[in-house]
Amino acid sequence: QVQLVESGGGLVQAGGSLRLSCAASGRTFSRNAMGWFRQAPGKEREFVAAISWSGGSTVYTDSVKGRFTISRDNAKNTVYLQMNSLKPEDTAVYYCAADASTWRRGSIFGHEYDYWGQGTQVTVSS
């Protein structure tokens, strides 16, 4: 059974940092693109960042560029999201996602991901 388990969320003041982790189990994702999405209360889920299977290509939504960094450790079957200079508008449930297709760059579209985690809450206070 494939599982993606996010961790690292919490409450932080504006300007602070958090590092989210997404540990995969049940199969290896070393040849698969991974992504992070978020959903704030009353809003639709939105793309945050994605990373190619090799880690050599990344893409970010404009609002987090320069503040967030996505990375991966294929030996640990884990993807990370380092979040710096956090703002209240970053408050959301953050979801990890994995693409079942191999050798892809990473998509900004949620429907192109096949596996999802349960989410971790990030709350940024002003």
PDB file of N, CA and C in Angstrom:
ATOM      1  N   GLN A   1       0.843  -1.182   0.000  1.00  0.00           N
ATOM      2  CA  GLN A   1       0.000   0.000   0.000  1.00  0.00           C
ATOM      3  C   GLN A   1       0.888   1.244   0.000  1.00  0.00           C
ATOM      4  N   VAL A   2       0.665   2.101  -0.968  1.00  0.00           N
ATOM      5  CA  VAL A   2       1.456   3.321  -1.081  1.00  0.00           C
ATOM      6  C   VAL A   2       0.930   4.366  -0.097  1.00  0.00           C
ATOM      7  N   GLN A   3       1.856   4.965   0.617  1.00  0.00           N
ATOM      8  CA  GLN A   3       1.497   6.035   1.543  1.00  0.00           C
ATOM      9  C   GLN A   3       2.467   7.197   1.411  1.00  0.00           C
ATOM     10  N   LEU A   4       1.933   8.396   1.468  1.00  0.00           N
ATOM     11  CA  LEU A   4       2.723   9.613   1.570  1.00  0.00           C
ATOM     12  C   LEU A   4       2.342  10.260   2.893  1.00  0.00           C
ATOM     13  N   VAL A   5       3.322  10.496   3.728  1.00  0.00           N
ATOM     14  CA  VAL A   5       3.051  11.043   5.057  1.00  0.00           C
ATOM     15  C   VAL A   5       3.818  12.339   5.228  1.00  0.00           C
ATOM     16  N   GLU A   6       3.077  13.439   5.361  1.00  0.00           N
ATOM     17  CA  GLU A   6       3.691  14.742   5.574  1.00  0.00           C
ATOM     18  C   GLU A   6       3.927  14.985   7.061  1.00  0.00           C
ATOM     19  N   SER A   7       4.945  15.773   7.343  1.00  0.00           N
ATOM     20  CA  SER A   7       5.221  16.190   8.709  1.00  0.00           C
ATOM     21  C   SER A   7       5.942  17.528   8.670  1.00  0.00           C
ATOM     22  N   GLY A   8       6.035  18.152   9.825  1.00  0.00           N
ATOM     23  CA  GLY A   8       6.785  19.400   9.928  1.00  0.00           C
ATOM     24  C   GLY A   8       5.945  20.654   9.980  1.00  0.00           C
ATOM     25  N   GLY A   9       4.640  20.503   9.842  1.00  0.00           N
ATOM     26  CA  GLY A   9       3.791  21.678   9.932  1.00  0.00           C
ATOM     27  C   GLY A   9       3.694  22.184  11.368  1.00  0.00           C
ATOM     28  N   GLY A  10       3.060  23.341  11.510  1.00  0.00           N
ATOM     29  CA  GLY A  10       2.900  23.904  12.846  1.00  0.00           C
ATOM     30  C   GLY A  10       2.540  25.361  12.795  1.00  0.00           C
ATOM     31  N   LEU A  11       2.658  26.007  13.950  1.00  0.00           N
ATOM     32  CA  LEU A  11       2.365  27.428  14.091  1.00  0.00           C
ATOM     33  C   LEU A  11       3.675  28.205  14.165  1.00  0.00           C
ATOM     34  N   VAL A  12       3.782  29.242  13.338  1.00  0.00           N
ATOM     35  CA  VAL A  12       4.996  30.038  13.304  1.00  0.00           C
ATOM     36  C   VAL A  12       4.614  31.496  13.094  1.00  0.00           C
ATOM     37  N   GLN A  13       5.442  32.386  13.588  1.00  0.00           N
ATOM     38  CA  GLN A  13       5.192  33.815  13.379  1.00  0.00           C
ATOM     39  C   GLN A  13       5.624  34.232  11.979  1.00  0.00           C
ATOM     40  N   ALA A  14       5.016  35.288  11.503  1.00  0.00           N
ATOM     41  CA  ALA A  14       5.404  35.829  10.204  1.00  0.00           C
ATOM     42  C   ALA A  14       6.904  36.114  10.194  1.00  0.00           C
ATOM     43  N   GLY A  15       7.541  35.748   9.088  1.00  0.00           N
ATOM     44  CA  GLY A  15       8.983  35.903   8.966  1.00  0.00           C
ATOM     45  C   GLY A  15       9.750  34.663   9.365  1.00  0.00           C
ATOM     46  N   GLY A  16       9.065  33.714   9.979  1.00  0.00           N
ATOM     47  CA  GLY A  16       9.722  32.501  10.427  1.00  0.00           C
ATOM     48  C   GLY A  16       9.856  31.459   9.333  1.00  0.00           C
ATOM     49  N   SER A  17      10.353  30.284   9.731  1.00  0.00           N
ATOM     50  CA  SER A  17      10.619  29.209   8.778  1.00  0.00           C
ATOM     51  C   SER A  17      10.056  27.887   9.283  1.00  0.00           C
ATOM     52  N   LEU A  18       9.725  27.039   8.340  1.00  0.00           N
ATOM     53  CA  LEU A  18       9.341  25.663   8.614  1.00  0.00           C
ATOM     54  C   LEU A  18       9.891  24.784   7.503  1.00  0.00           C
ATOM     55  N   ARG A  19      10.153  23.536   7.834  1.00  0.00           N
ATOM     56  CA  ARG A  19      10.574  22.567   6.834  1.00  0.00           C
ATOM     57  C   ARG A  19       9.608  21.397   6.849  1.00  0.00           C
ATOM     58  N   LEU A  20       8.899  21.246   5.758  1.00  0.00           N
ATOM     59  CA  LEU A  20       7.980  20.120   5.617  1.00  0.00           C
ATOM     60  C   LEU A  20       8.693  18.927   5.007  1.00  0.00           C
ATOM     61  N   SER A  21       8.315  17.748   5.462  1.00  0.00           N
ATOM     62  CA  SER A  21       8.844  16.510   4.898  1.00  0.00           C
ATOM     63  C   SER A  21       7.685  15.653   4.416  1.00  0.00           C
ATOM     64  N   CYS A  22       7.954  14.873   3.402  1.00  0.00           N
ATOM     65  CA  CYS A  22       6.957  13.936   2.874  1.00  0.00           C
ATOM     66  C   CYS A  22       7.675  12.608   2.661  1.00  0.00           C
ATOM     67  N   ALA A  23       7.372  11.665   3.517  1.00  0.00           N
ATOM     68  CA  ALA A  23       8.005  10.351   3.439  1.00  0.00           C
ATOM     69  C   ALA A  23       7.078   9.378   2.722  1.00  0.00           C
ATOM     70  N   ALA A  24       7.606   8.737   1.704  1.00  0.00           N
ATOM     71  CA  ALA A  24       6.819   7.782   0.923  1.00  0.00           C
ATOM     72  C   ALA A  24       7.154   6.360   1.341  1.00  0.00           C
ATOM     73  N   SER A  25       6.145   5.516   1.320  1.00  0.00           N
ATOM     74  CA  SER A  25       6.347   4.106   1.617  1.00  0.00           C
ATOM     75  C   SER A  25       5.463   3.282   0.693  1.00  0.00           C
ATOM     76  N   GLY A  26       5.769   2.014   0.587  1.00  0.00           N
ATOM     77  CA  GLY A  26       4.993   1.119  -0.254  1.00  0.00           C
ATOM     78  C   GLY A  26       5.563   0.930  -1.653  1.00  0.00           C
ATOM     79  N   ARG A  27       6.369   1.873  -2.101  1.00  0.00           N
ATOM     80  CA  ARG A  27       7.074   1.776  -3.385  1.00  0.00           C
ATOM     81  C   ARG A  27       8.097   2.891  -3.421  1.00  0.00           C
ATOM     82  N   THR A  28       9.042   2.778  -4.305  1.00  0.00           N
ATOM     83  CA  THR A  28      10.026   3.841  -4.461  1.00  0.00           C
ATOM     84  C   THR A  28       9.515   4.884  -5.449  1.00  0.00           C
ATOM     85  N   PHE A  29       9.833   6.141  -5.168  1.00  0.00           N
ATOM     86  CA  PHE A  29       9.479   7.233  -6.069  1.00  0.00           C
ATOM     87  C   PHE A  29      10.711   7.906  -6.635  1.00  0.00           C
ATOM     88  N   SER A  30      11.823   7.177  -6.669  1.00  0.00           N
ATOM     89  CA  SER A  30      13.075   7.776  -7.133  1.00  0.00           C
ATOM     90  C   SER A  30      13.048   8.123  -8.613  1.00  0.00           C
ATOM     91  N   ARG A  31      12.098   7.575  -9.359  1.00  0.00           N
ATOM     92  CA  ARG A  31      11.985   7.880 -10.785  1.00  0.00           C
ATOM     93  C   ARG A  31      10.739   8.703 -11.103  1.00  0.00           C
ATOM     94  N   ASN A  32      10.170   9.314 -10.053  1.00  0.00           N
ATOM     95  CA  ASN A  32       8.883   9.993 -10.200  1.00  0.00           C
ATOM     96  C   ASN A  32       8.948  11.438  -9.705  1.00  0.00           C
ATOM     97  N   ALA A  33       8.263  12.296 -10.449  1.00  0.00           N
ATOM     98  CA  ALA A  33       8.146  13.679 -10.002  1.00  0.00           C
ATOM     99  C   ALA A  33       7.267  13.750  -8.751  1.00  0.00           C
ATOM    100  N   MET A  34       7.556  14.753  -7.934  1.00  0.00           N
ATOM    101  CA  MET A  34       6.806  14.971  -6.698  1.00  0.00           C
ATOM    102  C   MET A  34       6.404  16.444  -6.632  1.00  0.00           C
ATOM    103  N   GLY A  35       5.335  16.716  -5.892  1.00  0.00           N
ATOM    104  CA  GLY A  35       4.896  18.090  -5.786  1.00  0.00           C
ATOM    105  C   GLY A  35       4.309  18.400  -4.419  1.00  0.00           C
ATOM    106  N   TRP A  36       4.209  19.702  -4.153  1.00  0.00           N
ATOM    107  CA  TRP A  36       3.527  20.198  -2.965  1.00  0.00           C
ATOM    108  C   TRP A  36       2.382  21.107  -3.414  1.00  0.00           C
ATOM    109  N   PHE A  37       1.246  20.922  -2.768  1.00  0.00           N
ATOM    110  CA  PHE A  37       0.079  21.764  -2.991  1.00  0.00           C
ATOM    111  C   PHE A  37      -0.419  22.254  -1.638  1.00  0.00           C
ATOM    112  N   ARG A  38      -1.280  23.253  -1.650  1.00  0.00           N
ATOM    113  CA  ARG A  38      -1.843  23.736  -0.383  1.00  0.00           C
ATOM    114  C   ARG A  38      -3.290  24.167  -0.588  1.00  0.00           C
ATOM    115  N   GLN A  39      -4.031  24.135   0.505  1.00  0.00           N
ATOM    116  CA  GLN A  39      -5.414  24.558   0.464  1.00  0.00           C
ATOM    117  C   GLN A  39      -5.727  25.356   1.717  1.00  0.00           C
ATOM    118  N   ALA A  40      -6.075  26.603   1.507  1.00  0.00           N
ATOM    119  CA  ALA A  40      -6.470  27.472   2.607  1.00  0.00           C
ATOM    120  C   ALA A  40      -7.973  27.357   2.832  1.00  0.00           C
ATOM    121  N   PRO A  41      -8.450  27.695   4.030  1.00  0.00           N
ATOM    122  CA  PRO A  41      -9.899  27.602   4.310  1.00  0.00           C
ATOM    123  C   PRO A  41     -10.710  28.421   3.317  1.00  0.00           C
ATOM    124  N   GLY A  42     -11.718  27.779   2.736  1.00  0.00           N
ATOM    125  CA  GLY A  42     -12.598  28.470   1.800  1.00  0.00           C
ATOM    126  C   GLY A  42     -12.030  28.681   0.419  1.00  0.00           C
ATOM    127  N   LYS A  43     -10.846  28.143   0.182  1.00  0.00           N
ATOM    128  CA  LYS A  43     -10.215  28.316  -1.132  1.00  0.00           C
ATOM    129  C   LYS A  43      -9.944  26.974  -1.786  1.00  0.00           C
ATOM    130  N   GLU A  44      -9.722  27.019  -3.097  1.00  0.00           N
ATOM    131  CA  GLU A  44      -9.388  25.797  -3.819  1.00  0.00           C
ATOM    132  C   GLU A  44      -7.927  25.426  -3.562  1.00  0.00           C
ATOM    133  N   ARG A  45      -7.650  24.157  -3.758  1.00  0.00           N
ATOM    134  CA  ARG A  45      -6.272  23.689  -3.662  1.00  0.00           C
ATOM    135  C   ARG A  45      -5.421  24.373  -4.746  1.00  0.00           C
ATOM    136  N   GLU A  46      -4.220  24.766  -4.379  1.00  0.00           N
ATOM    137  CA  GLU A  46      -3.343  25.419  -5.344  1.00  0.00           C
ATOM    138  C   GLU A  46      -1.952  24.793  -5.330  1.00  0.00           C
ATOM    139  N   PHE A  47      -1.325  24.881  -6.475  1.00  0.00           N
ATOM    140  CA  PHE A  47       0.034  24.382  -6.645  1.00  0.00           C
ATOM    141  C   PHE A  47       1.011  25.252  -5.880  1.00  0.00           C
ATOM    142  N   VAL A  48       2.020  24.623  -5.274  1.00  0.00           N
ATOM    143  CA  VAL A  48       3.082  25.358  -4.591  1.00  0.00           C
ATOM    144  C   VAL A  48       4.429  25.138  -5.285  1.00  0.00           C
ATOM    145  N   ALA A  49       4.829  23.878  -5.398  1.00  0.00           N
ATOM    146  CA  ALA A  49       6.148  23.581  -5.963  1.00  0.00           C
ATOM    147  C   ALA A  49       6.170  22.150  -6.468  1.00  0.00           C
ATOM    148  N   ALA A  50       7.055  21.887  -7.421  1.00  0.00           N
ATOM    149  CA  ALA A  50       7.232  20.530  -7.933  1.00  0.00           C
ATOM    150  C   ALA A  50       8.695  20.304  -8.251  1.00  0.00           C
ATOM    151  N   ILE A  51       9.084  19.040  -8.231  1.00  0.00           N
ATOM    152  CA  ILE A  51      10.476  18.673  -8.501  1.00  0.00           C
ATOM    153  C   ILE A  51      10.497  17.451  -9.396  1.00  0.00           C
ATOM    154  N   SER A  52      11.419  17.452 -10.346  1.00  0.00           N
ATOM    155  CA  SER A  52      11.532  16.335 -11.266  1.00  0.00           C
ATOM    156  C   SER A  52      12.057  15.097 -10.552  1.00  0.00           C
ATOM    157  N   TRP A  53      12.004  13.976 -11.252  1.00  0.00           N
ATOM    158  CA  TRP A  53      12.426  12.709 -10.657  1.00  0.00           C
ATOM    159  C   TRP A  53      13.881  12.757 -10.202  1.00  0.00           C
ATOM    160  N   SER A  54      14.710  13.490 -10.926  1.00  0.00           N
ATOM    161  CA  SER A  54      16.143  13.547 -10.601  1.00  0.00           C
ATOM    162  C   SER A  54      16.473  14.658  -9.611  1.00  0.00           C
ATOM    163  N   GLY A  55      15.527  15.569  -9.437  1.00  0.00           N
ATOM    164  CA  GLY A  55      15.811  16.742  -8.617  1.00  0.00           C
ATOM    165  C   GLY A  55      16.455  17.874  -9.390  1.00  0.00           C
ATOM    166  N   GLY A  56      16.723  17.642 -10.661  1.00  0.00           N
ATOM    167  CA  GLY A  56      17.412  18.642 -11.449  1.00  0.00           C
ATOM    168  C   GLY A  56      16.542  19.765 -11.959  1.00  0.00           C
ATOM    169  N   SER A  57      15.234  19.608 -11.863  1.00  0.00           N
ATOM    170  CA  SER A  57      14.312  20.629 -12.342  1.00  0.00           C
ATOM    171  C   SER A  57      13.257  20.895 -11.278  1.00  0.00           C
ATOM    172  N   THR A  58      13.040  22.170 -11.003  1.00  0.00           N
ATOM    173  CA  THR A  58      12.033  22.565 -10.027  1.00  0.00           C
ATOM    174  C   THR A  58      11.175  23.680 -10.614  1.00  0.00           C
ATOM    175  N   VAL A  59       9.975  23.786 -10.100  1.00  0.00           N
ATOM    176  CA  VAL A  59       9.071  24.855 -10.528  1.00  0.00           C
ATOM    177  C   VAL A  59       8.272  25.302  -9.310  1.00  0.00           C
ATOM    178  N   TYR A  60       7.997  26.620  -9.245  1.00  0.00           N
ATOM    179  CA  TYR A  60       7.311  27.197  -8.096  1.00  0.00           C
ATOM    180  C   TYR A  60       6.194  28.123  -8.568  1.00  0.00           C
ATOM    181  N   THR A  61       5.177  28.233  -7.744  1.00  0.00           N
ATOM    182  CA  THR A  61       4.198  29.268  -7.991  1.00  0.00           C
ATOM    183  C   THR A  61       4.828  30.620  -7.656  1.00  0.00           C
ATOM    184  N   ASP A  62       4.388  31.666  -8.330  1.00  0.00           N
ATOM    185  CA  ASP A  62       5.044  32.967  -8.201  1.00  0.00           C
ATOM    186  C   ASP A  62       5.087  33.471  -6.758  1.00  0.00           C
ATOM    187  N   SER A  63       4.057  33.203  -5.997  1.00  0.00           N
ATOM    188  CA  SER A  63       3.965  33.781  -4.652  1.00  0.00           C
ATOM    189  C   SER A  63       4.985  33.223  -3.673  1.00  0.00           C
ATOM    190  N   VAL A  64       5.629  32.110  -4.001  1.00  0.00           N
ATOM    191  CA  VAL A  64       6.602  31.515  -3.076  1.00  0.00           C
ATOM    192  C   VAL A  64       8.024  31.544  -3.630  1.00  0.00           C
ATOM    193  N   LYS A  65       8.196  32.003  -4.843  1.00  0.00           N
ATOM    194  CA  LYS A  65       9.537  32.049  -5.434  1.00  0.00           C
ATOM    195  C   LYS A  65      10.465  32.903  -4.585  1.00  0.00           C
ATOM    196  N   GLY A  66      11.656  32.377  -4.335  1.00  0.00           N
ATOM    197  CA  GLY A  66      12.630  33.085  -3.521  1.00  0.00           C
ATOM    198  C   GLY A  66      12.469  32.860  -2.034  1.00  0.00           C
ATOM    199  N   ARG A  67      11.367  32.249  -1.626  1.00  0.00           N
ATOM    200  CA  ARG A  67      11.124  31.979  -0.200  1.00  0.00           C
ATOM    201  C   ARG A  67      11.075  30.477   0.098  1.00  0.00           C
ATOM    202  N   PHE A  68      10.531  29.692  -0.816  1.00  0.00           N
ATOM    203  CA  PHE A  68      10.393  28.252  -0.619  1.00  0.00           C
ATOM    204  C   PHE A  68      11.387  27.508  -1.509  1.00  0.00           C
ATOM    205  N   THR A  69      11.845  26.357  -1.017  1.00  0.00           N
ATOM    206  CA  THR A  69      12.732  25.500  -1.800  1.00  0.00           C
ATOM    207  C   THR A  69      12.274  24.058  -1.664  1.00  0.00           C
ATOM    208  N   ILE A  70      12.034  23.428  -2.802  1.00  0.00           N
ATOM    209  CA  ILE A  70      11.691  22.008  -2.816  1.00  0.00           C
ATOM    210  C   ILE A  70      12.946  21.204  -3.112  1.00  0.00           C
ATOM    211  N   SER A  71      13.082  20.082  -2.436  1.00  0.00           N
ATOM    212  CA  SER A  71      14.234  19.205  -2.652  1.00  0.00           C
ATOM    213  C   SER A  71      13.805  17.775  -2.379  1.00  0.00           C
ATOM    214  N   ARG A  72      14.688  16.854  -2.707  1.00  0.00           N
ATOM    215  CA  ARG A  72      14.351  15.451  -2.491  1.00  0.00           C
ATOM    216  C   ARG A  72      15.595  14.647  -2.158  1.00  0.00           C
ATOM    217  N   ASP A  73      15.383  13.562  -1.437  1.00  0.00           N
ATOM    218  CA  ASP A  73      16.434  12.608  -1.118  1.00  0.00           C
ATOM    219  C   ASP A  73      15.903  11.249  -1.565  1.00  0.00           C
ATOM    220  N   ASN A  74      16.309  10.809  -2.737  1.00  0.00           N
ATOM    221  CA  ASN A  74      15.766   9.566  -3.283  1.00  0.00           C
ATOM    222  C   ASN A  74      16.181   8.352  -2.462  1.00  0.00           C
ATOM    223  N   ALA A  75      17.307   8.433  -1.812  1.00  0.00           N
ATOM    224  CA  ALA A  75      17.732   7.309  -0.965  1.00  0.00           C
ATOM    225  C   ALA A  75      16.790   7.125   0.215  1.00  0.00           C
ATOM    226  N   LYS A  76      16.186   8.220   0.654  1.00  0.00           N
ATOM    227  CA  LYS A  76      15.239   8.165   1.766  1.00  0.00           C
ATOM    228  C   LYS A  76      13.786   8.161   1.298  1.00  0.00           C
ATOM    229  N   ASN A  77      13.586   8.230  -0.035  1.00  0.00           N
ATOM    230  CA  ASN A  77      12.222   8.247  -0.567  1.00  0.00           C
ATOM    231  C   ASN A  77      11.415   9.389   0.033  1.00  0.00           C
ATOM    232  N   THR A  78      12.052  10.539   0.150  1.00  0.00           N
ATOM    233  CA  THR A  78      11.478  11.684   0.866  1.00  0.00           C
ATOM    234  C   THR A  78      11.654  12.963   0.054  1.00  0.00           C
ATOM    235  N   VAL A  79      10.634  13.803   0.089  1.00  0.00           N
ATOM    236  CA  VAL A  79      10.710  15.125  -0.527  1.00  0.00           C
ATOM    237  C   VAL A  79      10.478  16.169   0.565  1.00  0.00           C
ATOM    238  N   TYR A  80      11.119  17.316   0.408  1.00  0.00           N
ATOM    239  CA  TYR A  80      11.071  18.365   1.422  1.00  0.00           C
ATOM    240  C   TYR A  80      10.569  19.681   0.823  1.00  0.00           C
ATOM    241  N   LEU A  81      10.051  20.514   1.686  1.00  0.00           N
ATOM    242  CA  LEU A  81       9.712  21.878   1.306  1.00  0.00           C
ATOM    243  C   LEU A  81      10.208  22.805   2.411  1.00  0.00           C
ATOM    244  N   GLN A  82      11.294  23.499   2.126  1.00  0.00           N
ATOM    245  CA  GLN A  82      11.826  24.487   3.057  1.00  0.00           C
ATOM    246  C   GLN A  82      11.101  25.793   2.816  1.00  0.00           C
ATOM    247  N   MET A  83      10.485  26.309   3.860  1.00  0.00           N
ATOM    248  CA  MET A  83       9.682  27.532   3.738  1.00  0.00           C
ATOM    249  C   MET A  83      10.281  28.609   4.632  1.00  0.00           C
ATOM    250  N   ASN A  84      10.772  29.661   4.027  1.00  0.00           N
ATOM    251  CA  ASN A  84      11.365  30.789   4.750  1.00  0.00           C
ATOM    252  C   ASN A  84      10.518  32.043   4.543  1.00  0.00           C
ATOM    253  N   SER A  85      10.756  33.016   5.386  1.00  0.00           N
ATOM    254  CA  SER A  85      10.042  34.300   5.296  1.00  0.00           C
ATOM    255  C   SER A  85       8.540  34.089   5.166  1.00  0.00           C
ATOM    256  N   LEU A  86       8.018  33.272   6.016  1.00  0.00           N
ATOM    257  CA  LEU A  86       6.606  32.913   5.923  1.00  0.00           C
ATOM    258  C   LEU A  86       5.704  34.108   6.174  1.00  0.00           C
ATOM    259  N   LYS A  87       4.581  34.104   5.474  1.00  0.00           N
ATOM    260  CA  LYS A  87       3.598  35.177   5.559  1.00  0.00           C
ATOM    261  C   LYS A  87       2.252  34.591   6.014  1.00  0.00           C
ATOM    262  N   PRO A  88       1.406  35.419   6.603  1.00  0.00           N
ATOM    263  CA  PRO A  88       0.079  34.904   7.002  1.00  0.00           C
ATOM    264  C   PRO A  88      -0.689  34.269   5.848  1.00  0.00           C
ATOM    265  N   GLU A  89      -0.492  34.764   4.652  1.00  0.00           N
ATOM    266  CA  GLU A  89      -1.193  34.196   3.495  1.00  0.00           C
ATOM    267  C   GLU A  89      -0.674  32.820   3.086  1.00  0.00           C
ATOM    268  N   ASP A  90       0.399  32.362   3.721  1.00  0.00           N
ATOM    269  CA  ASP A  90       0.880  30.991   3.482  1.00  0.00           C
ATOM    270  C   ASP A  90       0.128  29.975   4.342  1.00  0.00           C
ATOM    271  N   THR A  91      -0.717  30.453   5.230  1.00  0.00           N
ATOM    272  CA  THR A  91      -1.492  29.561   6.091  1.00  0.00           C
ATOM    273  C   THR A  91      -2.391  28.657   5.256  1.00  0.00           C
ATOM    274  N   ALA A  92      -2.246  27.359   5.446  1.00  0.00           N
ATOM    275  CA  ALA A  92      -3.010  26.386   4.664  1.00  0.00           C
ATOM    276  C   ALA A  92      -2.655  24.983   5.142  1.00  0.00           C
ATOM    277  N   VAL A  93      -3.407  24.026   4.650  1.00  0.00           N
ATOM    278  CA  VAL A  93      -3.002  22.625   4.777  1.00  0.00           C
ATOM    279  C   VAL A  93      -2.143  22.310   3.555  1.00  0.00           C
ATOM    280  N   TYR A  94      -0.970  21.785   3.807  1.00  0.00           N
ATOM    281  CA  TYR A  94      -0.020  21.479   2.735  1.00  0.00           C
ATOM    282  C   TYR A  94      -0.037  19.983   2.456  1.00  0.00           C
ATOM    283  N   TYR A  95      -0.159  19.660   1.164  1.00  0.00           N
ATOM    284  CA  TYR A  95      -0.247  18.282   0.715  1.00  0.00           C
ATOM    285  C   TYR A  95       0.932  17.924  -0.181  1.00  0.00           C
ATOM    286  N   CYS A  96       1.439  16.731   0.028  1.00  0.00           N
ATOM    287  CA  CYS A  96       2.467  16.160  -0.833  1.00  0.00           C
ATOM    288  C   CYS A  96       1.781  15.281  -1.874  1.00  0.00           C
ATOM    289  N   ALA A  97       2.335  15.247  -3.075  1.00  0.00           N
ATOM    290  CA  ALA A  97       1.757  14.432  -4.140  1.00  0.00           C
ATOM    291  C   ALA A  97       2.860  13.792  -4.966  1.00  0.00           C
ATOM    292  N   ALA A  98       2.548  12.622  -5.516  1.00  0.00           N
ATOM    293  CA  ALA A  98       3.514  11.892  -6.335  1.00  0.00           C
ATOM    294  C   ALA A  98       2.885  11.478  -7.663  1.00  0.00           C
ATOM    295  N   ASP A  99       3.678  11.573  -8.694  1.00  0.00           N
ATOM    296  CA  ASP A  99       3.268  11.203 -10.048  1.00  0.00           C
ATOM    297  C   ASP A  99       3.631   9.744 -10.273  1.00  0.00           C
ATOM    298  N   ALA A 100       2.685   8.922 -10.704  1.00  0.00           N
ATOM    299  CA  ALA A 100       2.969   7.507 -10.925  1.00  0.00           C
ATOM    300  C   ALA A 100       3.790   7.283 -12.195  1.00  0.00           C
ATOM    301  N   SER A 101       3.756   8.244 -13.130  1.00  0.00           N
ATOM    302  CA  SER A 101       4.539   8.107 -14.357  1.00  0.00           C
ATOM    303  C   SER A 101       5.997   8.425 -14.065  1.00  0.00           C
ATOM    304  N   THR A 102       6.876   7.776 -14.790  1.00  0.00           N
ATOM    305  CA  THR A 102       8.305   7.938 -14.523  1.00  0.00           C
ATOM    306  C   THR A 102       8.954   8.975 -15.436  1.00  0.00           C
ATOM    307  N   TRP A 103      10.087   9.462 -14.981  1.00  0.00           N
ATOM    308  CA  TRP A 103      10.973  10.329 -15.751  1.00  0.00           C
ATOM    309  C   TRP A 103      10.345  11.672 -16.144  1.00  0.00           C
ATOM    310  N   ARG A 104       9.432  12.178 -15.319  1.00  0.00           N
ATOM    311  CA  ARG A 104       8.782  13.444 -15.648  1.00  0.00           C
ATOM    312  C   ARG A 104       9.382  14.604 -14.868  1.00  0.00           C
ATOM    313  N   ARG A 105       9.144  15.826 -15.362  1.00  0.00           N
ATOM    314  CA  ARG A 105       9.748  17.010 -14.771  1.00  0.00           C
ATOM    315  C   ARG A 105       9.018  17.502 -13.535  1.00  0.00           C
ATOM    316  N   GLY A 106       7.756  17.187 -13.423  1.00  0.00           N
ATOM    317  CA  GLY A 106       6.974  17.747 -12.312  1.00  0.00           C
ATOM    318  C   GLY A 106       5.955  18.722 -12.853  1.00  0.00           C
ATOM    319  N   SER A 107       4.703  18.517 -12.503  1.00  0.00           N
ATOM    320  CA  SER A 107       3.611  19.299 -13.076  1.00  0.00           C
ATOM    321  C   SER A 107       3.038  20.273 -12.059  1.00  0.00           C
ATOM    322  N   ILE A 108       2.463  21.365 -12.572  1.00  0.00           N
ATOM    323  CA  ILE A 108       1.781  22.315 -11.705  1.00  0.00           C
ATOM    324  C   ILE A 108       0.310  21.945 -11.538  1.00  0.00           C
ATOM    325  N   PHE A 109      -0.137  20.904 -12.233  1.00  0.00           N
ATOM    326  CA  PHE A 109      -1.541  20.511 -12.238  1.00  0.00           C
ATOM    327  C   PHE A 109      -1.787  19.318 -11.314  1.00  0.00           C
ATOM    328  N   GLY A 110      -2.712  19.485 -10.402  1.00  0.00           N
ATOM    329  CA  GLY A 110      -2.984  18.441  -9.432  1.00  0.00           C
ATOM    330  C   GLY A 110      -3.475  17.146 -10.034  1.00  0.00           C
ATOM    331  N   HIS A 111      -4.226  17.233 -11.142  1.00  0.00           N
ATOM    332  CA  HIS A 111      -4.786  16.014 -11.732  1.00  0.00           C
ATOM    333  C   HIS A 111      -3.719  15.117 -12.352  1.00  0.00           C
ATOM    334  N   GLU A 112      -2.491  15.622 -12.472  1.00  0.00           N
ATOM    335  CA  GLU A 112      -1.419  14.787 -13.034  1.00  0.00           C
ATOM    336  C   GLU A 112      -0.674  14.014 -11.948  1.00  0.00           C
ATOM    337  N   TYR A 113      -1.124  14.128 -10.721  1.00  0.00           N
ATOM    338  CA  TYR A 113      -0.534  13.365  -9.631  1.00  0.00           C
ATOM    339  C   TYR A 113      -1.484  12.248  -9.211  1.00  0.00           C
ATOM    340  N   ASP A 114      -0.901  11.124  -8.836  1.00  0.00           N
ATOM    341  CA  ASP A 114      -1.691   9.932  -8.567  1.00  0.00           C
ATOM    342  C   ASP A 114      -1.787   9.563  -7.093  1.00  0.00           C
ATOM    343  N   TYR A 115      -0.840  10.021  -6.319  1.00  0.00           N
ATOM    344  CA  TYR A 115      -0.824   9.697  -4.897  1.00  0.00           C
ATOM    345  C   TYR A 115      -0.759  10.998  -4.097  1.00  0.00           C
ATOM    346  N   TRP A 116      -1.508  11.012  -2.995  1.00  0.00           N
ATOM    347  CA  TRP A 116      -1.580  12.204  -2.151  1.00  0.00           C
ATOM    348  C   TRP A 116      -1.434  11.831  -0.680  1.00  0.00           C
ATOM    349  N   GLY A 117      -0.806  12.723   0.057  1.00  0.00           N
ATOM    350  CA  GLY A 117      -0.738  12.557   1.494  1.00  0.00           C
ATOM    351  C   GLY A 117      -1.975  13.119   2.166  1.00  0.00           C
ATOM    352  N   GLN A 118      -1.993  13.005   3.485  1.00  0.00           N
ATOM    353  CA  GLN A 118      -3.156  13.447   4.250  1.00  0.00           C
ATOM    354  C   GLN A 118      -3.101  14.929   4.600  1.00  0.00           C
ATOM    355  N   GLY A 119      -1.951  15.522   4.420  1.00  0.00           N
ATOM    356  CA  GLY A 119      -1.807  16.955   4.660  1.00  0.00           C
ATOM    357  C   GLY A 119      -1.248  17.277   6.033  1.00  0.00           C
ATOM    358  N   THR A 120      -0.602  18.435   6.108  1.00  0.00           N
ATOM    359  CA  THR A 120      -0.092  18.942   7.375  1.00  0.00           C
ATOM    360  C   THR A 120      -0.431  20.433   7.456  1.00  0.00           C
ATOM    361  N   GLN A 121      -0.894  20.870   8.611  1.00  0.00           N
ATOM    362  CA  GLN A 121      -1.350  22.243   8.783  1.00  0.00           C
ATOM    363  C   GLN A 121      -0.175  23.176   9.019  1.00  0.00           C
ATOM    364  N   VAL A 122      -0.143  24.259   8.280  1.00  0.00           N
ATOM    365  CA  VAL A 122       0.815  25.342   8.493  1.00  0.00           C
ATOM    366  C   VAL A 122       0.017  26.603   8.809  1.00  0.00           C
ATOM    367  N   THR A 123       0.301  27.192   9.951  1.00  0.00           N
ATOM    368  CA  THR A 123      -0.383  28.411  10.367  1.00  0.00           C
ATOM    369  C   THR A 123       0.659  29.480  10.650  1.00  0.00           C
ATOM    370  N   VAL A 124       0.534  30.610   9.976  1.00  0.00           N
ATOM    371  CA  VAL A 124       1.473  31.720  10.137  1.00  0.00           C
ATOM    372  C   VAL A 124       0.720  32.884  10.769  1.00  0.00           C
ATOM    373  N   SER A 125       1.168  33.280  11.947  1.00  0.00           N
ATOM    374  CA  SER A 125       0.506  34.376  12.653  1.00  0.00           C
ATOM    375  C   SER A 125       1.179  35.701  12.328  1.00  0.00           C
ATOM    376  N   SER A 126       0.390  36.760  12.342  1.00  0.00           N
ATOM    377  CA  SER A 126       0.924  38.087  11.996  1.00  0.00           C
ATOM    378  C   SER A 126       1.435  38.817  13.221  1.00  0.00           C
TER     379      SER A 126
END
